Amino acid sequence: MTESPLGELSVDPALDESLSRCLEEVETELRSAVVSDYPFVTETSRHLVDAGGKRFRPLLTLLASHLGPRPANPDVIKSAVVVELTHLATLYHDDVMDEAQLRRGAPSANSRWNNTVAILTGDFLFARASDILADLGPEAVRIQARTFERLCTGQIMESVGPADGMDPVKHHLQVLADKTGSLIATAGRFGAMMSGADQETIDVMSRFGEAIGIAFQLADDIVDITSESNQSGKTPGTDLREGVPTLAGLYALSSTETQDARLQELLGRPLIDDAEHAEALVLLRSHASLDEARAEAHRWADDARRSLAGLPDVPATHALTMLCDYVVNRTG
């Protein structure tokens, strides 16, 4: 018997079988989509596809499709491929901007080749996603364009930082909504839309996707701080080392307690030195800001759960509800 792609969230054998079959189709089409006439482009494009990953966005697309009358519509598979290609493209660009050395336990594309190759490979994947989108109709193209706009806006906001007088926490949550929540919202929207669900259900899956996406990213950022192993797909403390803001770090920076002065000094810059990096991890892991960040992740997961209230009583709805707890419980 094939293992359920939902793992501990498995609620129905028929749903498990459908998701397993469709995820295999997504994987096949994903690998086909990154093939170029130029072998080197195929090699660079397959780099992150072959590295694996959670495939969280395609899975959400497939789950959402079971809220409509035509979950087997081939356009569901195509839209799932589009969101994963888009996600992978952003990872190539993110690694260049963050000067990351590893991605999913393997050398990042920019470290294996160079920044130019990584950026252009990301662009190639965006182009392939757009080519598939053209078969899904003008509304799908419009949704993707607006999603891409938010992805770019979020990255610019993160790079520039909060404007004078703006609350850094509010700014950070908006960055997460744009950089992560927007694409996961589109994943849910596409699944419901391509399966013929009514507009109310489509809107619910978009709201759910955005909220669960923010919770998902908050949880990932917490795991990056707390994990002793490679739980997060990156070396633990990668965000700290690269000076990437996280919610726990921002809460710690806002503290007025004198004993937090050393942690705040360390959080104010990238931590290249191994000893300082280790010191900051120890201090942050024991700081109350970590529990504050967990509480915020739970708030977003609760928002996602509440958004499902009007959906039909079907296995896909039950799985989505359980997903709300699963996403944040990874943080310990």
Protein backbone atom coordinates (compact mmCIF):
# COMPACT_ATOMS: atom_id res chain seq x y z
CA MET A 1 0.00 0.00 0.00
CA THR A 2 1.32 3.44 -0.97
CA GLU A 3 2.12 5.69 1.96
CA SER A 4 -0.23 8.65 2.22
CA PRO A 5 1.32 11.94 1.08
CA LEU A 6 -0.53 13.47 4.04
CA GLY A 7 1.37 11.29 6.52
CA GLU A 8 -0.20 11.64 9.95
CA LEU A 9 -2.89 13.88 8.44
CA SER A 10 -4.34 10.97 6.48
CA VAL A 11 -8.12 10.90 6.91
CA ASP A 12 -9.46 8.85 3.98
CA PRO A 13 -7.96 6.05 1.85
CA ALA A 14 -9.64 7.26 -1.35
CA LEU A 15 -8.28 10.77 -0.82
CA ASP A 16 -4.81 9.35 -0.09
CA GLU A 17 -4.86 7.32 -3.30
CA SER A 18 -5.96 10.31 -5.37
CA LEU A 19 -3.35 12.61 -3.85
CA SER A 20 -0.55 10.05 -4.32
CA ARG A 21 -1.47 9.49 -7.96
CA CYS A 22 -1.78 13.21 -8.70
CA LEU A 23 1.47 14.10 -6.92
CA GLU A 24 3.25 11.56 -9.12
CA GLU A 25 1.77 13.32 -12.16
CA VAL A 26 2.87 16.67 -10.80
CA GLU A 27 6.40 15.36 -10.29
CA THR A 28 6.52 13.93 -13.83
CA GLU A 29 5.27 17.18 -15.38
CA LEU A 30 7.59 19.22 -13.18
CA ARG A 31 10.61 17.32 -14.43
CA SER A 32 9.39 17.60 -18.00
CA ALA A 33 8.88 21.36 -17.63
CA VAL A 34 12.52 22.00 -16.73
CA VAL A 35 13.96 20.25 -19.79
CA SER A 36 15.66 22.65 -22.20
CA ASP A 37 17.15 22.21 -25.66
CA TYR A 38 20.37 23.34 -24.00
CA PRO A 39 21.59 20.56 -21.65
CA PHE A 40 23.31 22.96 -19.24
CA VAL A 41 20.02 24.81 -18.65
CA THR A 42 18.34 21.47 -17.98
CA GLU A 43 21.08 20.65 -15.45
CA THR A 44 20.78 23.94 -13.58
CA SER A 45 16.96 23.84 -13.64
CA ARG A 46 16.83 20.30 -12.31
CA HIS A 47 19.18 21.21 -9.48
CA LEU A 48 16.42 22.15 -7.00
CA VAL A 49 13.79 19.83 -8.48
CA ASP A 50 16.10 16.89 -7.78
CA ALA A 51 16.85 18.22 -4.27
CA GLY A 52 13.25 17.41 -3.33
CA GLY A 53 11.37 19.50 -0.82
CA LYS A 54 8.00 19.45 0.88
CA ARG A 55 5.93 20.05 -2.29
CA PHE A 56 3.59 21.84 0.11
CA ARG A 57 2.10 24.12 -2.54
CA PRO A 58 1.17 21.39 -5.06
CA LEU A 59 -0.29 19.31 -2.23
CA LEU A 60 -2.50 22.22 -1.17
CA THR A 61 -3.62 22.69 -4.79
CA LEU A 62 -4.59 19.03 -4.97
CA LEU A 63 -6.37 19.10 -1.61
CA ALA A 64 -8.34 22.19 -2.64
CA SER A 65 -9.37 20.48 -5.87
CA HIS A 66 -11.31 17.93 -3.80
CA LEU A 67 -13.67 20.71 -2.75
CA GLY A 68 -14.91 21.02 -6.33
CA PRO A 69 -16.84 18.61 -8.57
CA ARG A 70 -13.91 17.88 -10.94
CA PRO A 71 -10.77 17.11 -8.90
CA ALA A 72 -9.47 14.97 -11.78
CA ASN A 73 -9.44 17.93 -14.20
CA PRO A 74 -5.97 17.91 -15.88
CA ASP A 75 -5.80 21.68 -15.30
CA VAL A 76 -5.50 20.96 -11.58
CA ILE A 77 -2.19 19.18 -12.23
CA LYS A 78 -0.99 21.98 -14.51
CA SER A 79 -1.78 24.64 -11.94
CA ALA A 80 0.02 22.63 -9.23
CA VAL A 81 3.10 22.51 -11.48
CA VAL A 82 2.85 26.27 -12.03
CA VAL A 83 2.91 27.09 -8.32
CA GLU A 84 5.83 24.76 -7.64
CA LEU A 85 7.85 26.10 -10.59
CA THR A 86 7.19 29.62 -9.32
CA HIS A 87 8.29 28.65 -5.82
CA LEU A 88 11.47 27.02 -7.10
CA ALA A 89 12.27 30.08 -9.22
CA THR A 90 12.03 32.33 -6.16
CA LEU A 91 14.44 30.05 -4.27
CA TYR A 92 17.14 30.54 -6.92
CA HIS A 93 16.74 34.30 -6.59
CA ASP A 94 16.53 34.22 -2.77
CA ASP A 95 19.80 32.30 -2.52
CA VAL A 96 21.58 34.90 -4.63
CA MET A 97 20.27 37.78 -2.51
CA ASP A 98 21.08 35.95 0.74
CA GLU A 99 24.43 34.66 -0.57
CA ALA A 100 23.33 31.25 0.67
CA GLN A 101 25.72 28.31 0.32
CA LEU A 102 23.22 25.50 0.89
CA ARG A 103 19.66 24.79 -0.17
CA ARG A 104 17.82 21.62 0.89
CA GLY A 105 21.07 20.11 2.11
CA ALA A 106 22.86 20.57 -1.24
CA PRO A 107 25.08 23.37 -2.56
CA SER A 108 22.92 26.26 -3.75
CA ALA A 109 22.92 27.01 -7.48
CA ASN A 110 24.80 30.27 -6.94
CA SER A 111 27.57 28.52 -5.00
CA ARG A 112 27.75 25.56 -7.41
CA TRP A 113 27.86 27.79 -10.50
CA ASN A 114 27.54 31.55 -10.00
CA ASN A 115 25.00 34.30 -9.35
CA THR A 116 24.32 34.95 -13.02
CA VAL A 117 23.50 31.31 -13.71
CA ALA A 118 21.26 31.12 -10.62
CA ILE A 119 19.33 34.29 -11.52
CA LEU A 120 18.81 33.27 -15.14
CA THR A 121 17.76 29.76 -14.12
CA GLY A 122 15.11 31.29 -11.90
CA ASP A 123 13.97 33.42 -14.83
CA PHE A 124 13.84 30.30 -17.02
CA LEU A 125 11.54 28.60 -14.51
CA PHE A 126 9.27 31.66 -14.38
CA ALA A 127 9.08 31.49 -18.19
CA ARG A 128 8.16 27.81 -18.13
CA ALA A 129 5.46 28.50 -15.53
CA SER A 130 4.05 31.24 -17.75
CA ASP A 131 4.00 28.91 -20.75
CA ILE A 132 1.88 26.39 -18.83
CA LEU A 133 -0.35 29.18 -17.49
CA ALA A 134 -1.24 30.25 -21.03
CA ASP A 135 -3.24 27.01 -21.36
CA LEU A 136 -5.20 27.72 -18.17
CA GLY A 137 -6.92 30.88 -19.37
CA PRO A 138 -6.65 34.64 -18.87
CA GLU A 139 -8.02 34.60 -15.31
CA ALA A 140 -5.28 32.20 -14.19
CA VAL A 141 -2.67 34.39 -15.92
CA ARG A 142 -4.04 37.46 -14.12
CA ILE A 143 -3.96 35.72 -10.73
CA GLN A 144 -0.38 34.59 -11.31
CA ALA A 145 0.68 38.08 -12.42
CA ARG A 146 -0.74 39.63 -9.26
CA THR A 147 0.90 36.92 -7.17
CA PHE A 148 4.24 37.58 -8.85
CA GLU A 149 3.80 41.29 -8.14
CA ARG A 150 3.36 40.52 -4.45
CA LEU A 151 6.36 38.18 -4.42
CA CYS A 152 8.54 40.96 -5.84
CA THR A 153 7.07 43.60 -3.54
CA GLY A 154 7.67 41.44 -0.49
CA GLN A 155 11.28 40.81 -1.46
CA ILE A 156 11.88 44.53 -2.02
CA MET A 157 10.25 45.35 1.33
CA GLU A 158 12.48 42.83 3.08
CA SER A 159 15.60 44.15 1.34
CA VAL A 160 14.84 47.82 2.11
CA GLY A 161 13.49 47.27 5.63
CA PRO A 162 10.71 49.15 7.42
CA ALA A 163 10.22 52.85 6.70
CA ASP A 164 10.94 55.37 9.45
CA GLY A 165 8.31 55.12 12.15
CA MET A 166 6.89 51.80 10.89
CA ASP A 167 6.52 48.95 13.37
CA PRO A 168 9.21 46.37 12.40
CA VAL A 169 6.94 43.48 13.41
CA LYS A 170 4.06 44.74 11.26
CA HIS A 171 6.50 45.23 8.38
CA HIS A 172 7.87 41.71 8.83
CA LEU A 173 4.42 40.10 8.82
CA GLN A 174 3.55 41.96 5.63
CA VAL A 175 6.77 40.69 4.06
CA LEU A 176 5.77 37.13 5.00
CA ALA A 177 2.27 37.64 3.61
CA ASP A 178 3.70 38.81 0.28
CA LYS A 179 6.74 36.52 -0.02
CA THR A 180 5.14 33.31 1.26
CA GLY A 181 1.43 33.73 1.89
CA SER A 182 0.58 35.07 -1.57
CA LEU A 183 1.82 32.02 -3.51
CA ILE A 184 0.30 29.53 -1.07
CA ALA A 185 -2.99 31.47 -1.36
CA THR A 186 -2.74 31.07 -5.14
CA ALA A 187 -2.06 27.34 -4.74
CA GLY A 188 -5.33 26.94 -2.82
CA ARG A 189 -7.23 29.24 -5.19
CA PHE A 190 -6.03 27.38 -8.30
CA GLY A 191 -7.00 23.97 -6.90
CA ALA A 192 -10.55 25.06 -6.09
CA MET A 193 -10.91 27.07 -9.30
CA MET A 194 -9.63 24.40 -11.69
CA SER A 195 -11.89 21.76 -10.14
CA GLY A 196 -15.02 23.87 -10.72
CA ALA A 197 -15.70 24.88 -7.11
CA ASP A 198 -18.07 27.79 -6.47
CA GLN A 199 -16.68 31.29 -5.95
CA GLU A 200 -17.21 31.22 -2.19
CA THR A 201 -15.07 28.09 -1.89
CA ILE A 202 -12.40 29.60 -4.14
CA ASP A 203 -12.28 32.69 -1.92
CA VAL A 204 -12.13 30.54 1.23
CA MET A 205 -9.14 28.60 -0.12
CA SER A 206 -7.38 31.83 -1.00
CA ARG A 207 -7.87 33.21 2.53
CA PHE A 208 -6.90 29.88 4.05
CA GLY A 209 -3.77 29.66 1.90
CA GLU A 210 -2.54 33.11 2.87
CA ALA A 211 -3.06 32.52 6.60
CA ILE A 212 -1.58 29.02 6.62
CA GLY A 213 1.30 30.31 4.49
CA ILE A 214 2.23 32.94 7.08
CA ALA A 215 1.93 30.35 9.87
CA PHE A 216 4.05 27.96 7.80
CA GLN A 217 6.84 30.51 7.34
CA LEU A 218 6.77 31.63 10.97
CA ALA A 219 7.08 27.98 11.99
CA ASP A 220 9.97 27.40 9.57
CA ASP A 221 11.80 30.40 10.99
CA ILE A 222 11.34 29.07 14.53
CA VAL A 223 12.58 25.61 13.53
CA ASP A 224 15.64 27.28 11.99
CA ILE A 225 16.44 28.63 15.46
CA THR A 226 15.54 25.60 17.57
CA SER A 227 16.61 22.61 15.49
CA GLU A 228 19.81 20.76 16.31
CA SER A 229 19.69 18.90 13.00
CA ASN A 230 18.79 19.75 9.43
CA GLN A 231 15.04 19.84 10.14
CA SER A 232 14.40 23.02 8.23
CA GLY A 233 16.18 22.00 5.03
CA LYS A 234 18.95 24.45 5.91
CA THR A 235 21.80 24.47 8.41
CA PRO A 236 20.28 25.52 11.78
CA GLY A 237 20.68 29.22 12.47
CA THR A 238 21.02 30.11 8.78
CA ASP A 239 18.81 33.18 9.15
CA LEU A 240 20.95 34.42 12.04
CA ARG A 241 24.17 33.88 10.14
CA GLU A 242 22.85 35.77 7.09
CA GLY A 243 21.26 38.59 9.10
CA VAL A 244 17.77 37.72 7.81
CA PRO A 245 15.09 39.13 10.18
CA THR A 246 12.81 36.67 11.98
CA LEU A 247 9.89 37.40 14.26
CA ALA A 248 11.65 36.02 17.35
CA GLY A 249 14.65 38.21 16.63
CA LEU A 250 12.51 41.31 16.15
CA TYR A 251 10.71 40.68 19.44
CA ALA A 252 14.08 40.30 21.17
CA LEU A 253 15.35 43.54 19.60
CA SER A 254 12.31 45.40 20.99
CA SER A 255 13.08 44.31 24.55
CA THR A 256 13.98 47.00 27.10
CA GLU A 257 15.58 44.53 29.53
CA THR A 258 19.26 45.28 30.21
CA GLN A 259 20.17 41.60 30.16
CA ASP A 260 19.18 41.49 26.48
CA ALA A 261 21.86 43.98 25.43
CA ARG A 262 24.33 41.32 24.25
CA LEU A 263 21.70 39.43 22.23
CA GLN A 264 20.52 42.69 20.66
CA GLU A 265 24.10 43.55 19.71
CA LEU A 266 24.49 40.19 17.99
CA LEU A 267 21.12 40.39 16.22
CA GLY A 268 22.03 43.75 14.75
CA ARG A 269 24.36 42.26 12.14
CA PRO A 270 25.10 39.09 10.14
CA LEU A 271 26.98 36.59 12.30
CA ILE A 272 29.88 35.32 10.25
CA ASP A 273 31.97 34.36 13.28
CA ASP A 274 31.10 30.80 14.40
CA ALA A 275 31.50 31.57 18.11
CA GLU A 276 29.21 34.62 17.95
CA HIS A 277 26.70 32.67 15.87
CA ALA A 278 26.61 29.87 18.45
CA GLU A 279 26.30 32.41 21.29
CA ALA A 280 23.35 34.14 19.61
CA LEU A 281 21.58 30.81 19.04
CA VAL A 282 21.92 29.88 22.71
CA LEU A 283 20.63 33.27 23.87
CA LEU A 284 17.72 33.32 21.42
CA ARG A 285 16.65 29.74 22.19
CA SER A 286 16.18 30.64 25.84
CA HIS A 287 14.55 34.01 25.22
CA ALA A 288 10.84 34.72 25.77
CA SER A 289 10.67 36.11 22.22
CA LEU A 290 10.67 32.55 20.90
CA ASP A 291 7.41 31.78 22.73
CA GLU A 292 5.97 35.07 21.46
CA ALA A 293 6.81 34.02 17.91
CA ARG A 294 5.20 30.61 18.48
CA ALA A 295 2.06 32.31 19.76
CA GLU A 296 1.90 34.45 16.62
CA ALA A 297 2.27 31.36 14.42
CA HIS A 298 -0.62 29.75 16.30
CA ARG A 299 -2.75 32.87 15.80
CA TRP A 300 -2.31 32.65 12.04
CA ALA A 301 -3.03 28.91 12.06
CA ASP A 302 -6.19 29.60 14.06
CA ASP A 303 -7.22 32.22 11.48
CA ALA A 304 -6.71 29.63 8.75
CA ARG A 305 -8.84 27.10 10.64
CA ARG A 306 -11.67 29.58 11.15
CA SER A 307 -11.74 30.37 7.45
CA LEU A 308 -12.72 26.74 6.72
CA ALA A 309 -15.94 26.93 8.76
CA GLY A 310 -18.29 27.10 5.76
CA LEU A 311 -16.73 24.29 3.72
CA PRO A 312 -18.54 20.96 3.18
CA ASP A 313 -17.98 18.08 5.60
CA VAL A 314 -15.65 16.06 3.33
CA PRO A 315 -12.25 14.38 3.86
CA ALA A 316 -10.35 17.24 2.18
CA THR A 317 -11.82 19.73 4.66
CA HIS A 318 -10.82 17.50 7.57
CA ALA A 319 -7.25 17.24 6.21
CA LEU A 320 -7.03 21.02 5.79
CA THR A 321 -8.23 21.49 9.37
CA MET A 322 -5.60 19.09 10.69
CA LEU A 323 -2.97 20.87 8.62
CA CYS A 324 -3.46 23.98 10.76
CA ASP A 325 -2.21 22.14 13.84
CA TYR A 326 0.51 20.23 12.01
CA VAL A 327 2.15 23.35 10.55
CA VAL A 328 2.69 25.05 13.92
CA ASN A 329 3.32 21.95 16.04
CA ARG A 330 6.63 21.45 14.19
CA THR A 331 8.03 24.29 16.31
CA GLY A 332 7.93 22.27 19.55
